[in-house]
Amino acid sequence: MNETPPRVHAEIDLDAVRGNVRALRERAPRSELMAVVKADGYGHGAVACARAALEAGATWLGTATPQEALALRAAGITARTLCWLWTPGGPWREAVEADLDVAVSGMWALDEVRAAARAAGRTARIQLKADTGLGRNGCQPGDWADLVGAAVAAEAEGTVKVTGLWSHFACADEPGHPSIELQLAAFRDMLALAEKEGIEPEVRHIANSPATLTLPESHFDLVRTGLAVYGVSPAPELGTAQELGLRPAMTLKASVALVKRVPGGHGVSYGHHYVTPAGGSHLALVPAGYADGIPRHASGRGPVLVGGAVRTVAGRVAMDQFVIDLGPDEPTVRSGDEAVLFGPGEHGEPTAEDWAQAAGTIAYEIVTRIGARVPRVYLHG
């Protein structure tokens, strides 16, 4: 029985993930590497990409939410895993019982994880997060001594073990930004205070993907690599993926649903923001839209490789579909032909960065927003 051709699908090259992890390890040879698989592996599939990253030498995994980390455990992945985005009443006990490392940014979180450890009858692994200047999660320098003191007391009673001290950069994707050195200095001061109080962490870490690529002085014991694991440059200022030695792992493809000729002056898609030129055109319908994660902000600008040429979205991206103008000549494109929205760029196809520029956003958002109704097809699994 023949398989039904997919409407749209994302091919995930796990060999690319493995190669990217190896390349990143070479950038930080004296540090361990954490592969961040939050947001379902930045849209690539957390479980499959976690396994590929571990095979290539990653020793830690990272997630934002505890639910993401618990899903890795449910899939049988036992690697050290840090989860950092907590709210009061979160699943602390489940995390402790699953041997997760949990981030603590304030006294309320330390109190809750201590209670969960007592209830579970085991020691919780925690990592204290310092706010060195990002102004988001993490403990402010003025509150750091109190949090460290309370963590030391919790270690003495056996409810917690502080396995890590860490922070996060605000502007590592902007080489030379003055905040980078300020944050590094603040981090070193906060490390010194914690270690003076008797904390002996397994890992100290602040480097994200851009810092891993450009700031060797920030590597410490562990680097946390997210977008770079998936082969996408974390910032155009740092270079393209190819220039950074990375290979994009995701290729997004769709099957052309319809090709038809329309007269000149014909409106296309909602609002008629695009009208066919005089003489008429052939239009191709691509059955993917913003419900699949195609950014509506790329209406009229998003590039697609179809029929051997890169063409542009004509008119608005709708919920489930968009249109491409193939021009007036008899088209070589037929219904069922492949349209490549983005990929590594090795065969003339657009990249996620091209779509980011078309939508006025960042490549992180392009790959992460590809929706759950788009099946992932894993290559080299």
Protein backbone atom coordinates (compact mmCIF):
# COMPACT_ATOMS: atom_id res chain seq x y z
CA MET A 1 0.00 0.00 0.00
CA ASN A 2 1.47 3.36 -1.02
CA GLU A 3 2.06 5.95 1.66
CA THR A 4 0.12 9.20 1.35
CA PRO A 5 2.53 12.01 0.39
CA PRO A 6 2.94 14.37 3.34
CA ARG A 7 1.23 17.74 3.18
CA VAL A 8 4.18 19.25 5.01
CA HIS A 9 6.96 17.70 7.06
CA ALA A 10 10.24 18.54 8.73
CA GLU A 11 13.23 16.34 8.06
CA ILE A 12 15.61 16.22 11.03
CA ASP A 13 19.14 15.12 10.24
CA LEU A 14 20.45 13.53 13.44
CA ASP A 15 23.91 13.20 11.92
CA ALA A 16 23.94 16.98 11.71
CA VAL A 17 23.06 17.20 15.41
CA ARG A 18 25.90 14.81 16.24
CA GLY A 19 28.34 16.74 14.06
CA ASN A 20 27.35 20.05 15.62
CA VAL A 21 27.87 18.69 19.14
CA ARG A 22 31.33 17.43 18.17
CA ALA A 23 32.19 20.82 16.63
CA LEU A 24 31.02 22.64 19.76
CA ARG A 25 33.04 20.33 22.00
CA GLU A 26 36.11 21.31 19.99
CA ARG A 27 35.35 24.96 20.78
CA ALA A 28 35.36 24.19 24.53
CA PRO A 29 37.73 21.22 24.88
CA ARG A 30 38.29 21.60 28.63
CA SER A 31 34.60 21.90 29.51
CA GLU A 32 31.69 19.52 29.62
CA LEU A 33 28.87 20.23 27.19
CA MET A 34 25.16 20.56 27.92
CA ALA A 35 22.79 20.11 24.99
CA VAL A 36 19.71 22.23 25.64
CA VAL A 37 16.59 20.45 24.40
CA LYS A 38 13.90 22.79 25.72
CA ALA A 39 10.89 23.67 23.56
CA ASP A 40 10.91 20.15 22.12
CA GLY A 41 14.51 20.47 21.06
CA TYR A 42 13.96 23.92 19.53
CA GLY A 43 11.29 22.31 17.39
CA HIS A 44 13.48 19.40 16.29
CA GLY A 45 12.22 16.78 18.77
CA ALA A 46 13.67 16.67 22.28
CA VAL A 47 14.02 12.93 22.77
CA ALA A 48 15.63 12.08 19.42
CA CYS A 49 17.98 15.06 19.55
CA ALA A 50 18.90 14.42 23.19
CA ARG A 51 19.94 10.89 22.32
CA ALA A 52 21.94 12.07 19.30
CA ALA A 53 23.69 14.74 21.36
CA LEU A 54 24.61 12.26 24.08
CA GLU A 55 25.97 9.87 21.46
CA ALA A 56 28.23 12.68 20.24
CA GLY A 57 29.66 13.44 23.66
CA ALA A 58 27.27 15.78 25.45
CA THR A 59 27.30 14.91 29.16
CA TRP A 60 24.39 17.07 30.31
CA LEU A 61 20.95 17.95 28.98
CA GLY A 62 19.08 21.14 29.73
CA THR A 63 15.41 22.05 29.71
CA ALA A 64 13.45 25.10 30.73
CA THR A 65 10.55 23.43 32.51
CA PRO A 66 10.54 20.45 34.85
CA GLN A 67 7.83 18.87 32.71
CA GLU A 68 10.24 18.83 29.75
CA ALA A 69 12.89 17.17 31.90
CA LEU A 70 10.44 14.61 33.29
CA ALA A 71 9.43 13.73 29.71
CA LEU A 72 13.06 12.85 28.98
CA ARG A 73 13.09 10.56 32.01
CA ALA A 74 9.83 8.96 30.86
CA ALA A 75 11.54 8.22 27.54
CA GLY A 76 14.29 6.35 29.37
CA ILE A 77 16.98 9.04 29.20
CA THR A 78 19.00 8.99 32.42
CA ALA A 79 21.70 11.58 31.65
CA ARG A 80 22.28 14.47 34.02
CA THR A 81 19.56 16.99 33.28
CA LEU A 82 19.11 20.53 34.57
CA CYS A 83 15.71 22.25 34.50
CA TRP A 84 15.53 25.90 35.47
CA LEU A 85 12.13 27.52 34.99
CA TRP A 86 10.11 26.97 38.17
CA THR A 87 7.01 28.51 39.66
CA PRO A 88 5.71 28.04 43.21
CA GLY A 89 4.03 24.68 43.68
CA GLY A 90 5.95 23.07 40.81
CA PRO A 91 6.58 19.34 40.68
CA TRP A 92 9.56 19.46 43.05
CA ARG A 93 9.10 16.01 44.53
CA GLU A 94 8.75 14.39 41.10
CA ALA A 95 11.92 16.15 40.00
CA VAL A 96 13.83 15.05 43.08
CA GLU A 97 12.67 11.46 42.67
CA ALA A 98 13.67 11.55 38.98
CA ASP A 99 17.23 12.61 39.90
CA LEU A 100 16.96 15.90 38.07
CA ASP A 101 19.19 18.86 38.87
CA VAL A 102 16.91 21.78 39.64
CA ALA A 103 17.71 25.47 39.51
CA VAL A 104 17.12 27.68 42.54
CA SER A 105 16.98 31.43 42.03
CA GLY A 106 15.42 32.54 45.32
CA MET A 107 14.61 31.58 48.88
CA TRP A 108 11.07 30.40 48.11
CA ALA A 109 12.41 27.83 45.66
CA LEU A 110 15.00 26.57 48.14
CA ASP A 111 12.28 26.19 50.78
CA GLU A 112 10.07 24.21 48.39
CA VAL A 113 12.81 21.88 47.17
CA ARG A 114 13.91 21.19 50.76
CA ALA A 115 10.37 20.23 51.66
CA ALA A 116 10.16 17.99 48.61
CA ALA A 117 13.45 16.31 49.54
CA ARG A 118 12.18 15.57 53.03
CA ALA A 119 8.95 14.13 51.61
CA ALA A 120 10.88 11.99 49.13
CA GLY A 121 13.40 10.88 51.70
CA ARG A 122 16.37 11.73 49.52
CA THR A 123 18.80 14.54 48.81
CA ALA A 124 17.83 17.02 46.10
CA ARG A 125 20.43 18.16 43.56
CA ILE A 126 20.20 21.90 43.13
CA GLN A 127 22.05 24.57 41.17
CA LEU A 128 22.04 28.15 42.41
CA LYS A 129 21.46 30.68 39.65
CA ALA A 130 22.97 34.15 39.89
CA ASP A 131 21.56 37.20 38.15
CA THR A 132 24.77 38.81 36.94
CA GLY A 133 23.03 41.39 34.78
CA LEU A 134 20.40 39.78 32.56
CA GLY A 135 17.65 40.96 34.92
CA ARG A 136 15.52 37.92 34.32
CA ASN A 137 15.71 34.76 36.45
CA GLY A 138 18.44 34.32 39.05
CA CYS A 139 19.38 35.77 42.42
CA GLN A 140 20.52 39.38 42.62
CA PRO A 141 24.00 40.04 44.04
CA GLY A 142 22.50 41.78 47.06
CA ASP A 143 20.53 38.65 47.98
CA TRP A 144 23.22 36.13 47.02
CA ALA A 145 24.88 35.82 50.43
CA ASP A 146 21.57 34.98 52.09
CA LEU A 147 20.68 32.36 49.46
CA VAL A 148 24.14 30.81 49.65
CA GLY A 149 23.99 30.72 53.44
CA ALA A 150 20.62 29.01 53.39
CA ALA A 151 21.86 26.49 50.82
CA VAL A 152 24.90 25.70 52.98
CA ALA A 153 22.56 25.07 55.93
CA ALA A 154 20.37 22.83 53.75
CA GLU A 155 23.45 20.86 52.69
CA ALA A 156 24.37 20.40 56.36
CA GLU A 157 20.94 18.92 57.12
CA GLY A 158 21.22 16.61 54.09
CA THR A 159 18.20 17.84 52.14
CA VAL A 160 20.17 19.31 49.22
CA LYS A 161 23.48 19.04 47.45
CA VAL A 162 24.59 22.12 45.51
CA THR A 163 25.84 20.66 42.24
CA GLY A 164 26.21 23.85 40.28
CA LEU A 165 26.56 27.64 40.28
CA TRP A 166 25.50 29.38 37.11
CA SER A 167 24.27 32.46 35.30
CA HIS A 168 23.23 33.60 31.82
CA PHE A 169 24.53 36.26 29.46
CA ALA A 170 22.37 39.10 28.14
CA CYS A 171 24.43 40.11 25.10
CA ALA A 172 26.89 37.33 24.25
CA ASP A 173 25.50 37.42 20.71
CA GLU A 174 26.89 40.97 20.36
CA PRO A 175 30.69 40.60 20.41
CA GLY A 176 32.36 43.39 22.36
CA HIS A 177 29.22 44.47 24.22
CA PRO A 178 30.35 46.05 27.52
CA SER A 179 27.87 43.98 29.54
CA ILE A 180 29.80 40.79 28.76
CA GLU A 181 32.87 41.67 30.84
CA LEU A 182 30.68 43.15 33.57
CA GLN A 183 28.69 39.93 33.83
CA LEU A 184 31.83 37.79 33.86
CA ALA A 185 33.26 39.89 36.68
CA ALA A 186 30.02 39.68 38.66
CA PHE A 187 29.89 35.91 38.12
CA ARG A 188 33.44 35.46 39.37
CA ASP A 189 32.65 37.52 42.48
CA MET A 190 29.51 35.49 43.20
CA LEU A 191 31.40 32.22 42.66
CA ALA A 192 34.08 33.36 45.08
CA LEU A 193 31.53 34.19 47.76
CA ALA A 194 29.77 30.84 47.42
CA GLU A 195 32.99 28.87 47.45
CA LYS A 196 34.27 30.82 50.46
CA GLU A 197 31.12 29.75 52.30
CA GLY A 198 31.96 26.12 51.64
CA ILE A 199 30.01 25.29 48.48
CA GLU A 200 31.89 22.90 46.22
CA PRO A 201 29.98 22.76 42.94
CA GLU A 202 30.49 20.08 40.33
CA VAL A 203 30.00 22.60 37.55
CA ARG A 204 30.14 26.37 37.13
CA HIS A 205 28.63 27.69 33.92
CA ILE A 206 27.56 30.86 32.17
CA ALA A 207 28.36 30.27 28.46
CA ASN A 208 25.44 29.87 26.06
CA SER A 209 25.80 29.07 22.34
CA PRO A 210 27.30 32.42 21.28
CA ALA A 211 29.65 32.49 24.27
CA THR A 212 30.73 28.93 23.54
CA LEU A 213 31.64 30.04 20.02
CA THR A 214 33.35 33.33 20.83
CA LEU A 215 34.27 33.67 24.54
CA PRO A 216 36.63 30.93 25.71
CA GLU A 217 37.20 32.81 28.98
CA SER A 218 33.54 32.13 29.84
CA HIS A 219 33.61 28.36 29.45
CA PHE A 220 34.39 27.38 33.06
CA ASP A 221 33.39 23.73 33.74
CA LEU A 222 30.40 23.46 31.41
CA VAL A 223 28.99 25.18 28.33
CA ARG A 224 25.26 25.26 27.61
CA THR A 225 24.62 25.01 23.88
CA GLY A 226 21.13 25.42 22.53
CA LEU A 227 20.46 26.68 19.02
CA ALA A 228 23.97 25.82 17.85
CA VAL A 229 23.31 22.13 18.57
CA TYR A 230 20.72 22.27 15.79
CA GLY A 231 23.14 23.91 13.38
CA VAL A 232 21.67 27.40 13.29
CA SER A 233 23.83 30.44 13.94
CA PRO A 234 22.78 32.09 17.21
CA ALA A 235 23.42 35.53 15.71
CA PRO A 236 24.18 36.82 12.20
CA GLU A 237 26.95 38.97 13.71
CA LEU A 238 28.83 35.80 14.64
CA GLY A 239 28.71 34.39 11.12
CA THR A 240 26.60 31.95 9.18
CA ALA A 241 26.18 28.36 10.31
CA GLN A 242 28.70 27.26 7.68
CA GLU A 243 31.23 29.86 8.83
CA LEU A 244 30.83 28.61 12.40
CA GLY A 245 31.35 24.99 11.39
CA LEU A 246 27.71 24.05 11.98
CA ARG A 247 25.13 22.33 9.78
CA PRO A 248 21.38 23.02 10.08
CA ALA A 249 19.51 19.87 11.08
CA MET A 250 15.99 20.83 9.97
CA THR A 251 14.67 20.93 6.42
CA LEU A 252 11.03 21.99 6.05
CA LYS A 253 9.24 20.66 2.97
CA ALA A 254 5.72 20.76 1.60
CA SER A 255 3.93 19.15 -1.32
CA VAL A 256 2.45 21.62 -3.83
CA ALA A 257 -1.33 21.26 -3.58
CA LEU A 258 -2.46 23.07 -6.74
CA VAL A 259 -1.11 24.91 -9.78
CA LYS A 260 -3.45 27.09 -11.82
CA ARG A 261 -3.45 30.03 -14.21
CA VAL A 262 -5.20 33.25 -13.27
CA PRO A 263 -5.64 36.47 -15.26
CA GLY A 264 -3.73 39.70 -14.69
CA GLY A 265 -5.05 41.90 -11.90
CA HIS A 266 -6.23 38.91 -9.85
CA GLY A 267 -6.06 39.35 -6.09
CA VAL A 268 -4.19 36.70 -4.11
CA SER A 269 -4.98 35.65 -0.53
CA TYR A 270 -6.62 37.67 2.21
CA GLY A 271 -6.76 41.42 1.76
CA HIS A 272 -5.49 41.24 -1.82
CA HIS A 273 -2.12 42.63 -0.73
CA TYR A 274 -0.76 40.97 -3.84
CA VAL A 275 -2.31 41.32 -7.30
CA THR A 276 -1.03 39.40 -10.32
CA PRO A 277 0.71 41.46 -13.00
CA ALA A 278 -0.79 42.23 -16.39
CA GLY A 279 -0.83 39.25 -18.70
CA GLY A 280 -1.69 36.75 -15.98
CA SER A 281 0.28 34.29 -13.89
CA HIS A 282 0.45 30.73 -12.75
CA LEU A 283 -0.05 30.31 -9.03
CA ALA A 284 1.14 27.43 -6.87
CA LEU A 285 -0.57 26.63 -3.59
CA VAL A 286 1.70 25.49 -0.73
CA PRO A 287 -0.36 23.77 1.99
CA ALA A 288 1.39 25.19 5.06
CA GLY A 289 0.48 28.24 7.08
CA TYR A 290 0.82 29.98 10.40
CA ALA A 291 -0.96 27.10 12.16
CA ASP A 292 2.08 25.05 11.13
CA GLY A 293 4.48 27.75 12.30
CA ILE A 294 5.01 29.64 9.03
CA PRO A 295 5.35 33.25 10.18
CA ARG A 296 2.57 35.51 8.94
CA HIS A 297 5.04 38.39 9.25
CA ALA A 298 6.86 36.88 6.24
CA SER A 299 3.83 37.49 4.01
CA GLY A 300 5.02 38.79 0.66
CA ARG A 301 8.66 38.08 1.55
CA GLY A 302 9.17 34.46 2.61
CA PRO A 303 11.43 32.54 0.18
CA VAL A 304 10.65 29.03 -1.12
CA LEU A 305 12.60 26.75 -3.46
CA VAL A 306 10.20 25.19 -5.96
CA GLY A 307 10.71 24.09 -9.54
CA GLY A 308 14.43 24.77 -9.35
CA ALA A 309 14.04 28.44 -8.44
CA VAL A 310 13.65 30.43 -5.24
CA ARG A 311 10.35 32.29 -5.31
CA THR A 312 8.58 34.52 -2.83
CA VAL A 313 5.31 34.15 -0.95
CA ALA A 314 2.65 36.09 -2.86
CA GLY A 315 0.26 37.89 -0.53
CA ARG A 316 -0.56 36.90 3.01
CA VAL A 317 0.35 33.67 4.70
CA ALA A 318 -2.95 32.16 5.84
CA MET A 319 -3.59 29.67 8.64
CA ASP A 320 -3.06 26.56 6.52
CA GLN A 321 -1.63 27.70 3.18
CA PHE A 322 0.11 30.33 1.12
CA VAL A 323 0.58 31.08 -2.56
CA ILE A 324 3.58 31.49 -4.84
CA ASP A 325 3.46 33.29 -8.18
CA LEU A 326 5.28 31.13 -10.75
CA GLY A 327 5.10 33.79 -13.46
CA PRO A 328 3.37 33.93 -16.85
CA ASP A 329 5.24 31.17 -18.67
CA GLU A 330 4.03 27.60 -18.73
CA PRO A 331 5.18 26.28 -15.37
CA THR A 332 7.43 23.31 -14.79
CA VAL A 333 5.87 22.92 -11.35
CA ARG A 334 3.01 20.44 -10.94
CA SER A 335 0.72 19.44 -8.10
CA GLY A 336 2.61 17.08 -5.83
CA ASP A 337 6.01 18.63 -6.51
CA GLU A 338 8.23 19.41 -3.56
CA ALA A 339 8.55 22.91 -2.16
CA VAL A 340 11.46 23.48 0.24
CA LEU A 341 10.85 26.33 2.64
CA PHE A 342 14.20 26.13 4.37
CA GLY A 343 17.09 23.81 5.00
CA PRO A 344 20.90 23.84 5.25
CA GLY A 345 21.16 25.95 2.09
CA GLU A 346 23.45 23.45 0.40
CA HIS A 347 21.23 22.96 -2.64
CA GLY A 348 20.10 26.51 -3.22
CA GLU A 349 17.22 26.34 -0.77
CA PRO A 350 16.55 29.18 1.69
CA THR A 351 17.70 28.86 5.29
CA ALA A 352 15.95 29.51 8.58
CA GLU A 353 17.95 32.73 8.78
CA ASP A 354 16.49 33.82 5.41
CA TRP A 355 13.01 33.33 6.85
CA ALA A 356 14.00 35.18 10.01
CA GLN A 357 15.06 38.17 7.95
CA ALA A 358 11.86 37.98 5.92
CA ALA A 359 9.76 37.95 9.11
CA GLY A 360 11.81 40.51 11.02
CA THR A 361 12.70 38.05 13.77
CA ILE A 362 15.46 35.64 14.80
CA ALA A 363 16.22 32.15 13.56
CA TYR A 364 15.49 30.76 17.04
CA GLU A 365 11.83 31.59 16.49
CA ILE A 366 11.64 30.16 12.98
CA VAL A 367 12.65 26.61 13.92
CA THR A 368 11.02 26.60 17.36
CA ARG A 369 7.61 27.70 16.11
CA ILE A 370 7.16 24.81 13.63
CA GLY A 371 4.00 23.27 15.04
CA ALA A 372 3.04 19.88 16.38
CA ARG A 373 0.89 19.03 13.36
CA VAL A 374 4.01 19.04 11.19
CA PRO A 375 5.44 15.50 11.41
CA ARG A 376 9.15 15.13 12.07
CA VAL A 377 10.95 12.61 9.90
CA TYR A 378 14.26 11.55 11.43
CA LEU A 379 17.22 10.81 9.19
CA HIS A 380 20.23 8.80 10.33
CA GLY A 381 18.46 7.71 13.49
